[in-house]
Amino acid sequence: MGHQTDTYLRRENAKVEFKAKDKTSDYESPDSVQADLLETFDYEYAGKKISIVSETSEFTSVCPYSGLPDFGTLRIEYVPREKILELRSLKYYLLAYRNVGVFYEHLVNRILDDLVSACSPEQMTVTLQASPRGGIRTTVTARHPRRTPEESESGEGA
């Protein structure tokens, strides 16, 4: 991606600077988000399957291409094993993305990986429905465990 090296300049302290003609916008690298912000508590009914859905319509990050803010609705749905995500810590974790430059496709995978590492769920789905920009609405979904295209089409592995 030769274009990125011309457009993005790495700086100290995980900062990235975007240059667009006469404009610049500083934002954080995804490496600045600390997954250790996430806390869990014991699920007292381990073995009983429940579905937990957490959703925020106030999710924000920064487009690494334009340097402009991105807004959207982030939905996390999971079936816990023995640990449940503590919501206050989840809010602080998600808030850490507000100044982070990251593409949607990378964002949902990063969040999924961090949340799965924190609570080891049986299943988890992270979906970002990004607010339209330029008339295009984008929805990106990542799942754990990852399913093959054949499983997804047949409904298996769900």
Protein backbone atom coordinates (compact mmCIF):
# COMPACT_ATOMS: atom_id res chain seq x y z
CA MET A 1 0.00 0.00 0.00
CA GLY A 2 2.29 2.71 -1.27
CA HIS A 3 -0.40 5.36 -0.83
CA GLN A 4 -0.42 4.85 2.93
CA THR A 5 3.28 5.55 3.33
CA ASP A 6 2.81 8.88 1.52
CA THR A 7 -0.29 9.81 3.49
CA TYR A 8 0.39 8.58 7.01
CA LEU A 9 3.38 9.66 9.06
CA ARG A 10 4.22 7.64 12.19
CA ARG A 11 5.11 9.77 15.18
CA GLU A 12 6.16 9.19 18.76
CA ASN A 13 3.82 7.72 21.39
CA ALA A 14 1.69 5.69 18.94
CA LYS A 15 0.45 8.89 17.27
CA VAL A 16 -0.30 8.91 13.57
CA GLU A 17 -0.67 12.05 11.52
CA PHE A 18 -2.78 12.29 8.39
CA LYS A 19 -1.85 14.84 5.74
CA ALA A 20 -4.39 15.93 3.13
CA LYS A 21 -3.10 18.83 1.04
CA ASP A 22 -3.06 21.75 3.49
CA LYS A 23 -4.90 19.95 6.33
CA THR A 24 -3.64 17.63 9.04
CA SER A 25 -5.42 15.62 11.73
CA ASP A 26 -3.72 13.76 14.57
CA TYR A 27 -5.17 10.51 15.86
CA GLU A 28 -4.07 7.53 17.92
CA SER A 29 -2.88 4.19 16.64
CA PRO A 30 -5.04 1.10 17.38
CA ASP A 31 -2.09 -0.04 19.53
CA SER A 32 -3.03 2.69 22.02
CA VAL A 33 -6.25 0.83 23.02
CA GLN A 34 -5.59 -1.18 26.16
CA ALA A 35 -7.52 -4.44 26.30
CA ASP A 36 -6.60 -4.78 29.97
CA LEU A 37 -9.28 -2.13 30.66
CA LEU A 38 -11.80 -4.96 30.28
CA GLU A 39 -12.99 -6.61 33.47
CA THR A 40 -15.21 -9.65 34.00
CA PHE A 41 -17.16 -11.30 36.77
CA ASP A 42 -18.15 -14.93 37.33
CA TYR A 43 -21.30 -16.25 35.68
CA GLU A 44 -23.01 -18.07 38.54
CA TYR A 45 -25.09 -20.23 36.18
CA ALA A 46 -22.24 -21.56 34.04
CA GLY A 47 -23.63 -24.31 31.83
CA LYS A 48 -26.99 -22.54 31.36
CA LYS A 49 -26.96 -20.88 27.96
CA ILE A 50 -28.02 -17.26 27.87
CA SER A 51 -27.49 -14.58 25.26
CA ILE A 52 -26.15 -11.20 26.33
CA VAL A 53 -26.49 -8.20 24.02
CA SER A 54 -24.73 -4.89 24.65
CA GLU A 55 -25.22 -2.07 22.17
CA THR A 56 -24.21 1.55 21.90
CA SER A 57 -25.36 4.03 19.28
CA GLU A 58 -22.60 6.42 20.36
CA PHE A 59 -19.54 4.53 19.11
CA THR A 60 -16.91 6.67 17.44
CA SER A 61 -13.45 6.24 15.95
CA VAL A 62 -11.44 8.04 13.25
CA CYS A 63 -11.21 7.16 9.58
CA PRO A 64 -7.49 6.56 8.94
CA TYR A 65 -7.90 7.56 5.31
CA SER A 66 -9.56 10.95 5.78
CA GLY A 67 -8.73 11.71 9.42
CA LEU A 68 -12.42 12.53 9.95
CA PRO A 69 -14.54 11.05 12.76
CA ASP A 70 -16.63 7.93 12.11
CA PHE A 71 -19.83 7.28 14.04
CA GLY A 72 -21.95 4.18 14.34
CA THR A 73 -23.85 1.63 16.36
CA LEU A 74 -21.76 -1.15 17.85
CA ARG A 75 -23.52 -4.35 18.91
CA ILE A 76 -21.91 -7.12 20.93
CA GLU A 77 -23.83 -10.37 21.36
CA TYR A 78 -22.39 -13.36 23.17
CA VAL A 79 -23.09 -16.61 25.00
CA PRO A 80 -20.92 -16.70 28.12
CA ARG A 81 -19.13 -19.75 29.50
CA GLU A 82 -17.86 -18.81 32.97
CA LYS A 83 -17.18 -15.04 32.71
CA ILE A 84 -19.36 -12.04 31.90
CA LEU A 85 -18.06 -8.68 30.68
CA GLU A 86 -18.45 -5.94 33.27
CA LEU A 87 -20.28 -3.07 31.53
CA ARG A 88 -18.49 -0.09 33.08
CA SER A 89 -15.13 -1.43 31.90
CA LEU A 90 -16.63 -2.20 28.48
CA LYS A 91 -17.76 1.43 28.18
CA TYR A 92 -14.26 2.72 28.99
CA TYR A 93 -12.70 0.22 26.57
CA LEU A 94 -15.01 1.33 23.73
CA LEU A 95 -14.45 5.00 24.56
CA ALA A 96 -10.71 4.45 24.04
CA TYR A 97 -11.44 4.18 20.28
CA ARG A 98 -12.79 7.73 19.93
CA ASN A 99 -9.39 9.11 18.82
CA VAL A 100 -8.13 5.95 17.11
CA GLY A 101 -7.63 5.78 13.36
CA VAL A 102 -8.80 2.36 12.20
CA PHE A 103 -10.75 0.87 9.29
CA TYR A 104 -14.13 -0.71 10.18
CA GLU A 105 -13.03 -4.15 9.03
CA HIS A 106 -10.00 -4.08 11.32
CA LEU A 107 -11.95 -2.49 14.15
CA VAL A 108 -14.57 -5.23 14.56
CA ASN A 109 -11.90 -7.94 14.45
CA ARG A 110 -9.75 -6.16 17.03
CA ILE A 111 -12.71 -5.65 19.38
CA LEU A 112 -13.81 -9.28 18.91
CA ASP A 113 -10.30 -10.59 19.66
CA ASP A 114 -9.99 -8.42 22.79
CA LEU A 115 -13.43 -9.36 24.13
CA VAL A 116 -12.94 -13.08 23.45
CA SER A 117 -9.58 -12.93 25.25
CA ALA A 118 -11.23 -11.22 28.22
CA CYS A 119 -14.20 -13.54 28.77
CA SER A 120 -13.72 -16.72 26.65
CA PRO A 121 -17.35 -16.95 25.49
CA GLU A 122 -18.92 -19.91 23.78
CA GLN A 123 -19.99 -17.62 20.94
CA MET A 124 -19.62 -13.91 20.23
CA THR A 125 -20.63 -11.57 17.41
CA VAL A 126 -19.46 -7.97 17.06
CA THR A 127 -21.29 -5.81 14.51
CA LEU A 128 -20.60 -2.20 13.59
CA GLN A 129 -23.26 -0.37 11.61
CA ALA A 130 -21.45 2.76 10.50
CA SER A 131 -23.39 5.95 9.90
CA PRO A 132 -23.69 6.74 6.19
CA ARG A 133 -20.96 8.79 4.65
CA GLY A 134 -21.38 9.84 1.05
CA GLY A 135 -24.68 7.93 0.92
CA ILE A 136 -23.10 4.55 1.71
CA ARG A 137 -24.11 2.66 4.85
CA THR A 138 -21.55 0.05 5.91
CA THR A 139 -22.14 -2.87 8.27
CA VAL A 140 -19.24 -5.09 9.31
CA THR A 141 -19.62 -8.27 11.41
CA ALA A 142 -17.01 -10.55 13.01
CA ARG A 143 -17.82 -13.83 14.79
CA HIS A 144 -16.29 -16.24 17.28
CA PRO A 145 -15.89 -19.05 16.64
CA ARG A 146 -15.14 -18.16 13.05
CA ARG A 147 -17.40 -19.99 10.59
CA THR A 148 -16.57 -21.10 7.09
CA PRO A 149 -18.68 -19.67 4.22
CA GLU A 150 -20.30 -23.10 3.80
CA GLU A 151 -21.38 -23.16 7.48
CA SER A 152 -22.76 -19.63 7.18
CA GLU A 153 -24.83 -20.49 4.08
CA SER A 154 -26.21 -23.71 5.55
CA GLY A 155 -26.84 -22.23 9.00
CA GLU A 156 -24.45 -24.72 10.61
CA GLY A 157 -22.12 -23.68 13.40
CA ALA A 158 -24.53 -21.04 14.65
